[in-house]
Protein backbone atom coordinates (compact mmCIF):
# COMPACT_ATOMS: atom_id res chain seq x y z
CA MET A 1 117.73 92.63 100.63
CA ALA A 2 114.42 93.73 99.07
CA GLU A 3 113.49 97.39 99.31
CA ASP A 4 110.15 98.05 101.04
CA SER A 5 108.37 100.43 98.71
CA THR A 6 104.81 99.96 99.89
CA ILE A 7 102.65 103.01 100.51
CA PRO A 8 100.45 102.92 103.64
CA GLN A 9 96.71 102.81 102.77
CA GLN A 10 95.98 106.16 104.44
CA ASP A 11 98.79 107.80 102.43
CA LEU A 12 97.37 106.23 99.27
CA THR A 13 94.02 107.96 99.73
CA GLN A 14 95.79 111.29 100.30
CA MET A 15 97.78 111.06 97.06
CA SER A 16 96.79 113.22 94.12
CA PHE A 17 95.63 111.42 91.00
CA GLU A 18 98.88 112.36 89.27
CA ASP A 19 101.05 111.06 92.12
CA ALA A 20 99.07 107.81 92.28
CA LEU A 21 99.44 107.35 88.52
CA ARG A 22 103.20 107.98 88.68
CA ALA A 23 103.52 105.47 91.53
CA LEU A 24 101.53 102.92 89.53
CA GLU A 25 103.76 103.47 86.48
CA THR A 26 106.85 102.94 88.64
CA ILE A 27 105.45 99.68 89.98
CA VAL A 28 104.61 98.46 86.48
CA ARG A 29 108.15 99.25 85.26
CA ARG A 30 109.67 97.40 88.22
CA LEU A 31 107.46 94.35 87.68
CA GLU A 32 108.13 94.33 83.93
CA SER A 33 111.88 94.45 84.54
CA GLY A 34 111.77 90.91 85.94
CA ASP A 35 114.43 91.81 88.53
CA VAL A 36 112.09 91.85 91.54
CA PRO A 37 112.04 88.85 93.91
CA LEU A 38 108.76 86.89 94.02
CA ASP A 39 107.64 88.06 97.48
CA GLU A 40 108.25 91.68 96.58
CA SER A 41 106.51 91.17 93.23
CA ILE A 42 103.39 89.97 95.03
CA SER A 43 103.49 92.99 97.36
CA LEU A 44 104.05 95.37 94.46
CA TYR A 45 101.21 93.80 92.50
CA ALA A 46 98.83 94.28 95.45
CA GLN A 47 99.94 97.89 95.84
CA GLY A 48 99.57 98.46 92.12
CA GLU A 49 96.04 97.10 92.20
CA ALA A 50 95.17 99.48 95.07
CA LEU A 51 96.65 102.39 93.11
CA ARG A 52 94.75 101.38 89.97
CA ARG A 53 91.51 101.21 91.94
CA GLN A 54 92.21 104.62 93.52
CA CYS A 55 92.89 106.17 90.09
CA MET A 56 89.71 104.66 88.62
CA GLU A 57 87.61 105.96 91.51
CA ARG A 58 89.05 109.44 91.08
CA LEU A 59 88.39 109.36 87.33
CA GLN A 60 84.81 108.20 87.87
CA ALA A 61 84.24 110.94 90.45
CA ALA A 62 85.63 113.56 88.07
CA GLU A 63 83.45 112.30 85.23
CA ALA A 64 80.38 112.49 87.48
CA ARG A 65 81.14 116.17 88.13
CA ILE A 66 81.48 117.07 84.49
CA GLN A 67 78.27 118.60 83.31
CA LYS A 68 76.98 119.50 79.92
CA LEU A 69 75.68 123.04 79.84
CA THR A 70 72.44 123.72 78.05
CA LEU A 71 72.19 126.96 76.11
CA ASP A 72 69.25 128.88 74.72
CA GLN A 73 69.19 130.28 71.17
CA SER A 74 71.09 133.40 72.24
CA GLY A 75 73.85 131.30 73.82
CA ALA A 76 72.90 132.04 77.42
CA VAL A 77 73.32 129.18 79.89
CA THR A 78 69.90 127.87 80.90
CA GLY A 79 70.90 124.83 82.94
CA ALA A 80 73.10 121.78 83.13
CA GLN A 81 72.67 118.07 82.60
CA PRO A 82 74.78 115.26 84.05
CA PHE A 83 77.62 114.16 81.78
CA GLY A 84 76.40 111.71 79.15
CA ALA A 85 72.70 112.65 79.41
CA ASP A 86 71.13 113.46 76.06
């Protein structure tokens, strides 16, 4: 009998980035093992895609918060620019 290892969508959004990444790595290992029945493989793939998307959104949000500080000649902070702005 196949083990139901799906994570409810609301629990997925509450997971930390690190927990979501670990869950995604577990899914990938299970799928790569080749020992998972087809129906469960499809379910795991869908869950893995949701976890991947969640991780990417969290990374993009973190990147958007990173700011490059601007300094004057004495080294004092004079402002900030969004990450990647030159």
